[in-house]
């Protein structure tokens, strides 16, 4: 079985609903995954926008997601999951799509790791998380959504 990432809120390559953007409630869309490979002990989630005017913009970094999880609900404020890293604004947590113009692509990447923790503190940068994860990555699943402001 392939390692897959999906959302009941939008189809792969489809439009992200406004509720999950800066124009709505700015909450993360619900995510589900299946087919995590044997040996997976935790996950890392990175969400970015490669179409941002000044280069790739990181919207969300979440690491040390337990291997027992197969989903992330939309409302993570009620019961936090994993450890938040910093987005490109220097804040911890999710920052929804908010393109200044045109339609942008938003990549949700879920990385299966062979370690239960990266040993990093909350607020770690994307670079720190990626460097720590690189040594322990088993595989990655990806979901892409699009958004344009109306």
C-alpha atoms as a PDB file:
ATOM      1  CA  UNK A   1       0.000   0.000   0.000  1.00  0.00           C
ATOM      2  CA  UNK A   2       1.360   3.410  -0.966  1.00  0.00           C
ATOM      3  CA  UNK A   3       1.844   6.135   1.635  1.00  0.00           C
ATOM      4  CA  UNK A   4      -0.829   8.745   0.853  1.00  0.00           C
ATOM      5  CA  UNK A   5      -1.953  12.078   2.280  1.00  0.00           C
ATOM      6  CA  UNK A   6      -5.420  13.494   1.623  1.00  0.00           C
ATOM      7  CA  UNK A   7      -8.002  15.918   2.955  1.00  0.00           C
ATOM      8  CA  UNK A   8     -11.772  15.657   3.060  1.00  0.00           C
ATOM      9  CA  UNK A   9     -11.775  19.452   2.565  1.00  0.00           C
ATOM     10  CA  UNK A  10     -10.171  19.542  -0.920  1.00  0.00           C
ATOM     11  CA  UNK A  11      -9.085  17.180  -3.673  1.00  0.00           C
ATOM     12  CA  UNK A  12      -5.451  16.820  -4.675  1.00  0.00           C
ATOM     13  CA  UNK A  13      -4.780  19.686  -7.079  1.00  0.00           C
ATOM     14  CA  UNK A  14      -8.131  21.247  -6.171  1.00  0.00           C
ATOM     15  CA  UNK A  15      -9.131  24.495  -4.525  1.00  0.00           C
ATOM     16  CA  UNK A  16      -8.621  24.981  -0.795  1.00  0.00           C
ATOM     17  CA  UNK A  17     -11.808  26.232   0.838  1.00  0.00           C
ATOM     18  CA  UNK A  18     -11.752  29.815   2.122  1.00  0.00           C
ATOM     19  CA  UNK A  19     -12.355  28.677   5.697  1.00  0.00           C
ATOM     20  CA  UNK A  20      -8.766  27.369   5.829  1.00  0.00           C
ATOM     21  CA  UNK A  21      -7.209  30.638   4.589  1.00  0.00           C
ATOM     22  CA  UNK A  22      -6.537  34.165   5.802  1.00  0.00           C
ATOM     23  CA  UNK A  23      -9.868  35.125   4.243  1.00  0.00           C
ATOM     24  CA  UNK A  24     -11.733  32.706   6.513  1.00  0.00           C
ATOM     25  CA  UNK A  25     -11.114  31.142   9.915  1.00  0.00           C
ATOM     26  CA  UNK A  26      -7.398  30.552   9.196  1.00  0.00           C
ATOM     27  CA  UNK A  27      -7.551  27.035  10.649  1.00  0.00           C
ATOM     28  CA  UNK A  28      -5.709  24.092   9.110  1.00  0.00           C
ATOM     29  CA  UNK A  29      -7.700  21.803   6.849  1.00  0.00           C
ATOM     30  CA  UNK A  30      -8.308  18.307   8.181  1.00  0.00           C
ATOM     31  CA  UNK A  31      -5.720  15.832   6.911  1.00  0.00           C
ATOM     32  CA  UNK A  32      -5.724  12.044   6.790  1.00  0.00           C
ATOM     33  CA  UNK A  33      -3.073   9.560   5.742  1.00  0.00           C
ATOM     34  CA  UNK A  34      -2.743   5.872   5.074  1.00  0.00           C
ATOM     35  CA  UNK A  35      -0.065   3.340   4.218  1.00  0.00           C
ATOM     36  CA  UNK A  36       2.653   4.542   6.566  1.00  0.00           C
ATOM     37  CA  UNK A  37       5.597   2.193   6.035  1.00  0.00           C
ATOM     38  CA  UNK A  38       6.749  -0.344   8.604  1.00  0.00           C
ATOM     39  CA  UNK A  39       9.185   1.197  11.036  1.00  0.00           C
ATOM     40  CA  UNK A  40       7.467   4.600  11.116  1.00  0.00           C
ATOM     41  CA  UNK A  41       7.823   6.078  14.592  1.00  0.00           C
ATOM     42  CA  UNK A  42       6.735   9.684  13.996  1.00  0.00           C
ATOM     43  CA  UNK A  43       5.792  12.177  11.306  1.00  0.00           C
ATOM     44  CA  UNK A  44       6.743  15.693  10.250  1.00  0.00           C
ATOM     45  CA  UNK A  45       4.336  17.965   8.357  1.00  0.00           C
ATOM     46  CA  UNK A  46       5.554  20.933   6.315  1.00  0.00           C
ATOM     47  CA  UNK A  47       3.207  23.175   4.327  1.00  0.00           C
ATOM     48  CA  UNK A  48       4.613  25.710   1.898  1.00  0.00           C
ATOM     49  CA  UNK A  49       3.847  27.971  -1.052  1.00  0.00           C
ATOM     50  CA  UNK A  50       6.521  27.855  -3.771  1.00  0.00           C
ATOM     51  CA  UNK A  51       4.710  30.603  -5.727  1.00  0.00           C
ATOM     52  CA  UNK A  52       5.278  33.332  -3.114  1.00  0.00           C
ATOM     53  CA  UNK A  53       6.814  36.524  -4.608  1.00  0.00           C
ATOM     54  CA  UNK A  54      10.016  36.364  -2.518  1.00  0.00           C
ATOM     55  CA  UNK A  55      10.532  32.601  -2.801  1.00  0.00           C
ATOM     56  CA  UNK A  56       9.029  29.624  -1.016  1.00  0.00           C
ATOM     57  CA  UNK A  57       6.938  30.663   1.987  1.00  0.00           C
ATOM     58  CA  UNK A  58       6.515  28.176   4.834  1.00  0.00           C
ATOM     59  CA  UNK A  59       2.985  28.158   6.259  1.00  0.00           C
ATOM     60  CA  UNK A  60       3.251  25.369   8.819  1.00  0.00           C
ATOM     61  CA  UNK A  61       5.861  23.161  10.447  1.00  0.00           C
ATOM     62  CA  UNK A  62       4.696  20.427  12.805  1.00  0.00           C
ATOM     63  CA  UNK A  63       6.973  17.645  14.035  1.00  0.00           C
ATOM     64  CA  UNK A  64       7.035  14.746  16.489  1.00  0.00           C
ATOM     65  CA  UNK A  65       3.540  13.742  15.369  1.00  0.00           C
ATOM     66  CA  UNK A  66       3.042  10.298  16.937  1.00  0.00           C
ATOM     67  CA  UNK A  67       3.123   7.289  14.604  1.00  0.00           C
ATOM     68  CA  UNK A  68      -0.215   6.203  16.091  1.00  0.00           C
ATOM     69  CA  UNK A  69      -1.907   9.172  14.352  1.00  0.00           C
ATOM     70  CA  UNK A  70      -3.551   8.792  10.974  1.00  0.00           C
ATOM     71  CA  UNK A  71      -5.115  12.220  10.846  1.00  0.00           C
ATOM     72  CA  UNK A  72      -4.937  15.830  11.947  1.00  0.00           C
ATOM     73  CA  UNK A  73      -8.299  17.449  12.655  1.00  0.00           C
ATOM     74  CA  UNK A  74      -9.079  20.983  11.584  1.00  0.00           C
ATOM     75  CA  UNK A  75      -9.309  22.284  15.154  1.00  0.00           C
ATOM     76  CA  UNK A  76      -5.907  21.615  16.671  1.00  0.00           C
ATOM     77  CA  UNK A  77      -6.464  24.221  19.391  1.00  0.00           C
ATOM     78  CA  UNK A  78      -8.715  21.876  21.349  1.00  0.00           C
ATOM     79  CA  UNK A  79      -6.156  19.062  21.541  1.00  0.00           C
ATOM     80  CA  UNK A  80      -2.688  19.870  20.158  1.00  0.00           C
ATOM     81  CA  UNK A  81      -0.885  17.170  18.196  1.00  0.00           C
ATOM     82  CA  UNK A  82       2.874  17.148  17.706  1.00  0.00           C
ATOM     83  CA  UNK A  83       5.288  20.016  18.309  1.00  0.00           C
ATOM     84  CA  UNK A  84       4.930  23.269  16.344  1.00  0.00           C
ATOM     85  CA  UNK A  85       7.852  24.786  14.479  1.00  0.00           C
ATOM     86  CA  UNK A  86       8.123  28.311  13.069  1.00  0.00           C
ATOM     87  CA  UNK A  87       6.484  29.443   9.855  1.00  0.00           C
ATOM     88  CA  UNK A  88       8.019  32.093   7.573  1.00  0.00           C
ATOM     89  CA  UNK A  89       6.526  34.874   9.711  1.00  0.00           C
ATOM     90  CA  UNK A  90       8.496  33.564  12.698  1.00  0.00           C
ATOM     91  CA  UNK A  91       5.364  32.343  14.479  1.00  0.00           C
ATOM     92  CA  UNK A  92       4.532  28.863  15.685  1.00  0.00           C
ATOM     93  CA  UNK A  93       1.516  27.151  14.234  1.00  0.00           C
ATOM     94  CA  UNK A  94      -0.540  27.225  11.076  1.00  0.00           C
ATOM     95  CA  UNK A  95      -0.779  30.252   8.803  1.00  0.00           C
ATOM     96  CA  UNK A  96      -3.338  29.739   6.055  1.00  0.00           C
ATOM     97  CA  UNK A  97      -2.985  30.541   2.366  1.00  0.00           C
ATOM     98  CA  UNK A  98      -3.028  34.270   1.684  1.00  0.00           C
ATOM     99  CA  UNK A  99      -1.554  34.942  -1.767  1.00  0.00           C
ATOM    100  CA  UNK A 100      -1.053  38.616  -2.661  1.00  0.00           C
ATOM    101  CA  UNK A 101      -2.205  37.945  -6.233  1.00  0.00           C
ATOM    102  CA  UNK A 102      -3.048  35.123  -8.590  1.00  0.00           C
ATOM    103  CA  UNK A 103      -3.460  31.466  -7.778  1.00  0.00           C
ATOM    104  CA  UNK A 104      -0.818  29.839  -5.620  1.00  0.00           C
ATOM    105  CA  UNK A 105      -0.041  26.179  -4.965  1.00  0.00           C
ATOM    106  CA  UNK A 106       0.187  24.930  -1.387  1.00  0.00           C
ATOM    107  CA  UNK A 107       2.109  21.716  -0.775  1.00  0.00           C
ATOM    108  CA  UNK A 108       1.335  19.630   2.296  1.00  0.00           C
ATOM    109  CA  UNK A 109       4.233  17.174   2.832  1.00  0.00           C
ATOM    110  CA  UNK A 110       4.026  14.458   5.440  1.00  0.00           C
ATOM    111  CA  UNK A 111       7.344  12.773   6.189  1.00  0.00           C
ATOM    112  CA  UNK A 112       7.461   9.348   7.852  1.00  0.00           C
ATOM    113  CA  UNK A 113      10.419   9.040  10.224  1.00  0.00           C
ATOM    114  CA  UNK A 114      12.213   6.100  11.816  1.00  0.00           C
ATOM    115  CA  UNK A 115      12.593   7.930  15.178  1.00  0.00           C
ATOM    116  CA  UNK A 116       9.893   8.847  17.715  1.00  0.00           C
ATOM    117  CA  UNK A 117      11.236  12.373  18.216  1.00  0.00           C
ATOM    118  CA  UNK A 118      13.599  14.787  16.505  1.00  0.00           C
ATOM    119  CA  UNK A 119      14.809  16.076  19.873  1.00  0.00           C
ATOM    120  CA  UNK A 120      14.029  19.680  18.923  1.00  0.00           C
ATOM    121  CA  UNK A 121      12.208  22.301  20.960  1.00  0.00           C
ATOM    122  CA  UNK A 122       8.938  23.962  20.011  1.00  0.00           C
ATOM    123  CA  UNK A 123       9.598  26.856  17.651  1.00  0.00           C
ATOM    124  CA  UNK A 124      12.353  25.089  15.715  1.00  0.00           C
ATOM    125  CA  UNK A 125      12.870  26.510  12.238  1.00  0.00           C
ATOM    126  CA  UNK A 126      11.966  24.637   9.081  1.00  0.00           C
ATOM    127  CA  UNK A 127      15.652  24.235   8.305  1.00  0.00           C
ATOM    128  CA  UNK A 128      16.367  22.730  11.718  1.00  0.00           C
ATOM    129  CA  UNK A 129      13.452  20.323  11.338  1.00  0.00           C
ATOM    130  CA  UNK A 130      14.461  19.304   7.806  1.00  0.00           C
ATOM    131  CA  UNK A 131      18.096  18.746   8.792  1.00  0.00           C
ATOM    132  CA  UNK A 132      17.099  16.620  11.786  1.00  0.00           C
ATOM    133  CA  UNK A 133      14.524  14.676   9.764  1.00  0.00           C
ATOM    134  CA  UNK A 134      16.844  14.001   6.806  1.00  0.00           C
ATOM    135  CA  UNK A 135      18.811  11.360   8.693  1.00  0.00           C
ATOM    136  CA  UNK A 136      15.648   9.462   9.656  1.00  0.00           C
ATOM    137  CA  UNK A 137      13.301   9.869   6.666  1.00  0.00           C
ATOM    138  CA  UNK A 138      11.640   6.701   5.410  1.00  0.00           C
ATOM    139  CA  UNK A 139       9.334   8.249   2.809  1.00  0.00           C
ATOM    140  CA  UNK A 140       7.128  11.266   2.073  1.00  0.00           C
ATOM    141  CA  UNK A 141       3.488  11.714   1.052  1.00  0.00           C
ATOM    142  CA  UNK A 142       2.312  14.909  -0.630  1.00  0.00           C
ATOM    143  CA  UNK A 143      -0.957  16.745  -1.194  1.00  0.00           C
ATOM    144  CA  UNK A 144      -1.238  19.963  -3.200  1.00  0.00           C
ATOM    145  CA  UNK A 145      -4.101  22.454  -3.084  1.00  0.00           C
ATOM    146  CA  UNK A 146      -4.620  25.802  -4.773  1.00  0.00           C
ATOM    147  CA  UNK A 147      -5.961  29.108  -3.543  1.00  0.00           C
ATOM    148  CA  UNK A 148      -6.564  32.547  -4.990  1.00  0.00           C
ATOM    149  CA  UNK A 149      -8.098  35.472  -3.139  1.00  0.00           C
ATOM    150  CA  UNK A 150     -11.343  36.778  -4.517  1.00  0.00           C
END
